Amino acid sequence: MPVNADFQGRVYPPTETYRVSVAKIREFAEAVGSSDPVHVDAEVARVRGYADVIAPPTFAVLIAQQCDAQLISDPEAGIDFSRVVHGEQRFTHHRPLTAGDAVVGTLHVDTVREAGGHAMVTTRTELATEQGEAVCTATSTIVIRGGE
């Protein structure tokens, strides 16, 4: 079944709240090899003007991929996950994700197109606090490999 091109323009409802914690930030910073103490030391973060430790910029992918899962798991979308290759990921940060943030994501399917026998889907996830403050825009392109 090919990817459903009618999904272009679809907006999914906001996800459940993701609570950004000191522990998750520390784990992620260690996993990506970040040595900046602003990710693990609250005092350093406060001296730099933040309320608490801040996440490395790519931490937003943890939340954005939960949003992308809404599309991937939607049977009407026609996406066979076993054929998905990650093509591109971009982030536009409006402010750092900070320990204590309660974040929701809204997934937008911006484009669905065919190229070289493969489908390409670009999504945009708007991450915001529960109060509506914009935190990050995550844009992702996946390629769904065509038949062999």
C-alpha atoms as a PDB file:
ATOM      1  CA  MET A   1       0.000   0.000   0.000  1.00  0.00           C
ATOM      2  CA  PRO A   2       1.517   3.373  -0.955  1.00  0.00           C
ATOM      3  CA  VAL A   3       1.737   6.277   1.456  1.00  0.00           C
ATOM      4  CA  ASN A   4      -1.524   8.186   1.542  1.00  0.00           C
ATOM      5  CA  ALA A   5      -0.856  11.575  -0.110  1.00  0.00           C
ATOM      6  CA  ASP A   6      -4.129  12.892   1.356  1.00  0.00           C
ATOM      7  CA  PHE A   7      -2.334  13.129   4.707  1.00  0.00           C
ATOM      8  CA  GLN A   8      -0.491  16.234   3.515  1.00  0.00           C
ATOM      9  CA  GLY A   9      -1.855  19.116   5.579  1.00  0.00           C
ATOM     10  CA  ARG A  10      -3.115  16.885   8.384  1.00  0.00           C
ATOM     11  CA  VAL A  11      -2.609  18.086  11.955  1.00  0.00           C
ATOM     12  CA  TYR A  12      -2.721  15.625  14.819  1.00  0.00           C
ATOM     13  CA  PRO A  13      -3.986  16.543  18.285  1.00  0.00           C
ATOM     14  CA  PRO A  14      -1.417  17.538  20.922  1.00  0.00           C
ATOM     15  CA  THR A  15       0.382  14.671  22.609  1.00  0.00           C
ATOM     16  CA  GLU A  16       0.295  13.831  26.261  1.00  0.00           C
ATOM     17  CA  THR A  17       2.527  16.037  28.366  1.00  0.00           C
ATOM     18  CA  TYR A  18       6.230  15.191  28.441  1.00  0.00           C
ATOM     19  CA  ARG A  19       7.855  16.250  31.700  1.00  0.00           C
ATOM     20  CA  VAL A  20      11.456  17.320  31.181  1.00  0.00           C
ATOM     21  CA  SER A  21      13.491  16.128  34.145  1.00  0.00           C
ATOM     22  CA  VAL A  22      17.005  16.689  35.434  1.00  0.00           C
ATOM     23  CA  ALA A  23      17.606  12.930  35.191  1.00  0.00           C
ATOM     24  CA  LYS A  24      16.504  12.705  31.542  1.00  0.00           C
ATOM     25  CA  ILE A  25      18.639  15.710  30.610  1.00  0.00           C
ATOM     26  CA  ARG A  26      21.657  14.200  32.382  1.00  0.00           C
ATOM     27  CA  GLU A  27      21.147  10.823  30.662  1.00  0.00           C
ATOM     28  CA  PHE A  28      20.813  12.442  27.257  1.00  0.00           C
ATOM     29  CA  ALA A  29      23.818  14.732  27.768  1.00  0.00           C
ATOM     30  CA  GLU A  30      25.943  11.742  28.747  1.00  0.00           C
ATOM     31  CA  ALA A  31      24.647   9.685  25.789  1.00  0.00           C
ATOM     32  CA  VAL A  32      25.579  12.374  23.252  1.00  0.00           C
ATOM     33  CA  GLY A  33      28.892  13.161  24.936  1.00  0.00           C
ATOM     34  CA  SER A  34      28.059  16.725  25.964  1.00  0.00           C
ATOM     35  CA  SER A  35      30.581  18.084  28.437  1.00  0.00           C
ATOM     36  CA  ASP A  36      28.892  21.464  29.009  1.00  0.00           C
ATOM     37  CA  PRO A  37      28.044  21.649  32.722  1.00  0.00           C
ATOM     38  CA  VAL A  38      24.882  23.668  31.963  1.00  0.00           C
ATOM     39  CA  HIS A  39      23.271  20.275  31.221  1.00  0.00           C
ATOM     40  CA  VAL A  40      24.122  18.681  34.572  1.00  0.00           C
ATOM     41  CA  ASP A  41      24.839  21.407  37.119  1.00  0.00           C
ATOM     42  CA  ALA A  42      21.899  23.568  38.232  1.00  0.00           C
ATOM     43  CA  GLU A  43      24.184  26.210  39.751  1.00  0.00           C
ATOM     44  CA  VAL A  44      26.058  26.664  36.466  1.00  0.00           C
ATOM     45  CA  ALA A  45      22.725  26.893  34.654  1.00  0.00           C
ATOM     46  CA  ARG A  46      21.455  29.549  37.087  1.00  0.00           C
ATOM     47  CA  VAL A  47      24.643  31.603  36.720  1.00  0.00           C
ATOM     48  CA  ARG A  48      24.032  31.535  32.965  1.00  0.00           C
ATOM     49  CA  GLY A  49      20.487  32.812  33.468  1.00  0.00           C
ATOM     50  CA  TYR A  50      18.404  29.620  33.359  1.00  0.00           C
ATOM     51  CA  ALA A  51      15.938  28.403  35.991  1.00  0.00           C
ATOM     52  CA  ASP A  52      17.523  24.925  36.040  1.00  0.00           C
ATOM     53  CA  VAL A  53      19.674  22.685  33.852  1.00  0.00           C
ATOM     54  CA  ILE A  54      18.936  22.930  30.152  1.00  0.00           C
ATOM     55  CA  ALA A  55      18.816  20.111  27.639  1.00  0.00           C
ATOM     56  CA  PRO A  56      21.260  19.703  24.765  1.00  0.00           C
ATOM     57  CA  PRO A  57      19.657  21.031  21.556  1.00  0.00           C
ATOM     58  CA  THR A  58      18.941  17.594  20.090  1.00  0.00           C
ATOM     59  CA  PHE A  59      17.047  16.473  23.224  1.00  0.00           C
ATOM     60  CA  ALA A  60      13.902  17.729  21.471  1.00  0.00           C
ATOM     61  CA  VAL A  61      14.020  14.641  19.244  1.00  0.00           C
ATOM     62  CA  LEU A  62      12.813  12.531  22.200  1.00  0.00           C
ATOM     63  CA  ILE A  63       9.538  14.422  22.247  1.00  0.00           C
ATOM     64  CA  ALA A  64       9.271  14.996  18.494  1.00  0.00           C
ATOM     65  CA  GLN A  65       9.558  11.288  17.723  1.00  0.00           C
ATOM     66  CA  GLN A  66       6.693  10.551  20.097  1.00  0.00           C
ATOM     67  CA  CYS A  67       4.661  12.957  17.973  1.00  0.00           C
ATOM     68  CA  ASP A  68       5.868  11.367  14.712  1.00  0.00           C
ATOM     69  CA  ALA A  69       4.637   8.018  16.040  1.00  0.00           C
ATOM     70  CA  GLN A  70       1.066   9.270  15.642  1.00  0.00           C
ATOM     71  CA  LEU A  71       1.556   9.362  11.873  1.00  0.00           C
ATOM     72  CA  ILE A  72       3.684   6.227  11.605  1.00  0.00           C
ATOM     73  CA  SER A  73       1.163   4.146  13.548  1.00  0.00           C
ATOM     74  CA  ASP A  74      -1.900   5.536  11.738  1.00  0.00           C
ATOM     75  CA  PRO A  75      -3.013   2.636   9.521  1.00  0.00           C
ATOM     76  CA  GLU A  76      -4.655   4.998   7.023  1.00  0.00           C
ATOM     77  CA  ALA A  77      -1.295   6.725   6.392  1.00  0.00           C
ATOM     78  CA  GLY A  78       0.039   3.619   4.663  1.00  0.00           C
ATOM     79  CA  ILE A  79       3.530   3.835   6.156  1.00  0.00           C
ATOM     80  CA  ASP A  80       5.359   0.517   6.491  1.00  0.00           C
ATOM     81  CA  PHE A  81       7.826   1.246   9.305  1.00  0.00           C
ATOM     82  CA  SER A  82      10.089  -1.598   8.200  1.00  0.00           C
ATOM     83  CA  ARG A  83      10.765   0.432   5.032  1.00  0.00           C
ATOM     84  CA  VAL A  84      11.415   3.796   6.745  1.00  0.00           C
ATOM     85  CA  VAL A  85      14.776   5.519   6.502  1.00  0.00           C
ATOM     86  CA  HIS A  86      15.363   8.772   8.392  1.00  0.00           C
ATOM     87  CA  GLY A  87      16.254  11.446   5.861  1.00  0.00           C
ATOM     88  CA  GLU A  88      16.653  14.725   7.727  1.00  0.00           C
ATOM     89  CA  GLN A  89      16.079  16.400  11.095  1.00  0.00           C
ATOM     90  CA  ARG A  90      16.163  20.129  11.879  1.00  0.00           C
ATOM     91  CA  PHE A  91      15.421  22.124  15.008  1.00  0.00           C
ATOM     92  CA  THR A  92      14.499  25.757  15.459  1.00  0.00           C
ATOM     93  CA  HIS A  93      14.761  26.531  19.157  1.00  0.00           C
ATOM     94  CA  HIS A  94      12.703  29.359  20.568  1.00  0.00           C
ATOM     95  CA  ARG A  95      14.259  28.802  23.976  1.00  0.00           C
ATOM     96  CA  PRO A  96      16.093  25.898  25.652  1.00  0.00           C
ATOM     97  CA  LEU A  97      14.172  22.950  27.032  1.00  0.00           C
ATOM     98  CA  THR A  98      14.639  23.257  30.776  1.00  0.00           C
ATOM     99  CA  ALA A  99      14.254  20.803  33.628  1.00  0.00           C
ATOM    100  CA  GLY A 100      10.740  21.237  34.990  1.00  0.00           C
ATOM    101  CA  ASP A 101       9.171  22.041  31.613  1.00  0.00           C
ATOM    102  CA  ALA A 102       5.880  20.301  30.847  1.00  0.00           C
ATOM    103  CA  VAL A 103       5.809  20.066  27.050  1.00  0.00           C
ATOM    104  CA  VAL A 104       3.195  18.998  24.513  1.00  0.00           C
ATOM    105  CA  GLY A 105       3.785  18.489  20.816  1.00  0.00           C
ATOM    106  CA  THR A 106       1.503  19.072  17.860  1.00  0.00           C
ATOM    107  CA  LEU A 107       2.365  17.167  14.688  1.00  0.00           C
ATOM    108  CA  HIS A 108       1.793  18.690  11.241  1.00  0.00           C
ATOM    109  CA  VAL A 109       2.230  16.653   8.055  1.00  0.00           C
ATOM    110  CA  ASP A 110       3.711  19.300   5.761  1.00  0.00           C
ATOM    111  CA  THR A 111       4.466  17.319   2.608  1.00  0.00           C
ATOM    112  CA  VAL A 112       3.924  13.874   1.144  1.00  0.00           C
ATOM    113  CA  ARG A 113       5.571  13.263  -2.209  1.00  0.00           C
ATOM    114  CA  GLU A 114       6.994  10.557  -4.440  1.00  0.00           C
ATOM    115  CA  ALA A 115      10.588  10.642  -5.710  1.00  0.00           C
ATOM    116  CA  GLY A 116      12.465   7.888  -7.512  1.00  0.00           C
ATOM    117  CA  GLY A 117       9.922   5.252  -6.551  1.00  0.00           C
ATOM    118  CA  HIS A 118      10.054   6.185  -2.871  1.00  0.00           C
ATOM    119  CA  ALA A 119       7.708   8.244  -0.707  1.00  0.00           C
ATOM    120  CA  MET A 120       9.056  11.216   1.230  1.00  0.00           C
ATOM    121  CA  VAL A 121       7.109  12.636   4.155  1.00  0.00           C
ATOM    122  CA  THR A 122       8.080  15.850   5.931  1.00  0.00           C
ATOM    123  CA  THR A 123       6.572  16.542   9.325  1.00  0.00           C
ATOM    124  CA  ARG A 124       6.801  19.533  11.620  1.00  0.00           C
ATOM    125  CA  THR A 125       6.311  19.212  15.349  1.00  0.00           C
ATOM    126  CA  GLU A 126       5.587  22.345  17.341  1.00  0.00           C
ATOM    127  CA  LEU A 127       6.717  21.850  20.935  1.00  0.00           C
ATOM    128  CA  ALA A 128       5.237  24.180  23.531  1.00  0.00           C
ATOM    129  CA  THR A 129       4.710  24.311  27.252  1.00  0.00           C
ATOM    130  CA  GLU A 130       1.302  23.414  28.609  1.00  0.00           C
ATOM    131  CA  GLN A 131       0.739  27.170  28.913  1.00  0.00           C
ATOM    132  CA  GLY A 132       1.357  27.600  25.172  1.00  0.00           C
ATOM    133  CA  GLU A 133       4.879  29.060  25.197  1.00  0.00           C
ATOM    134  CA  ALA A 134       6.702  27.976  22.032  1.00  0.00           C
ATOM    135  CA  VAL A 135       9.850  25.998  22.814  1.00  0.00           C
ATOM    136  CA  CYS A 136      11.020  24.302  19.615  1.00  0.00           C
ATOM    137  CA  THR A 137       9.987  23.518  16.061  1.00  0.00           C
ATOM    138  CA  ALA A 138      11.283  20.118  14.948  1.00  0.00           C
ATOM    139  CA  THR A 139      11.165  19.270  11.247  1.00  0.00           C
ATOM    140  CA  SER A 140      11.754  15.716  10.076  1.00  0.00           C
ATOM    141  CA  THR A 141      11.819  14.035   6.695  1.00  0.00           C
ATOM    142  CA  ILE A 142      11.444  10.289   6.387  1.00  0.00           C
ATOM    143  CA  VAL A 143      11.835   8.214   3.265  1.00  0.00           C
ATOM    144  CA  ILE A 144       9.644   5.173   2.817  1.00  0.00           C
ATOM    145  CA  ARG A 145      11.475   2.879   0.421  1.00  0.00           C
ATOM    146  CA  GLY A 146       9.457   1.698  -2.537  1.00  0.00           C
ATOM    147  CA  GLY A 147       9.090  -1.901  -3.658  1.00  0.00           C
ATOM    148  CA  GLU A 148      12.085  -3.907  -4.760  1.00  0.00           C
END
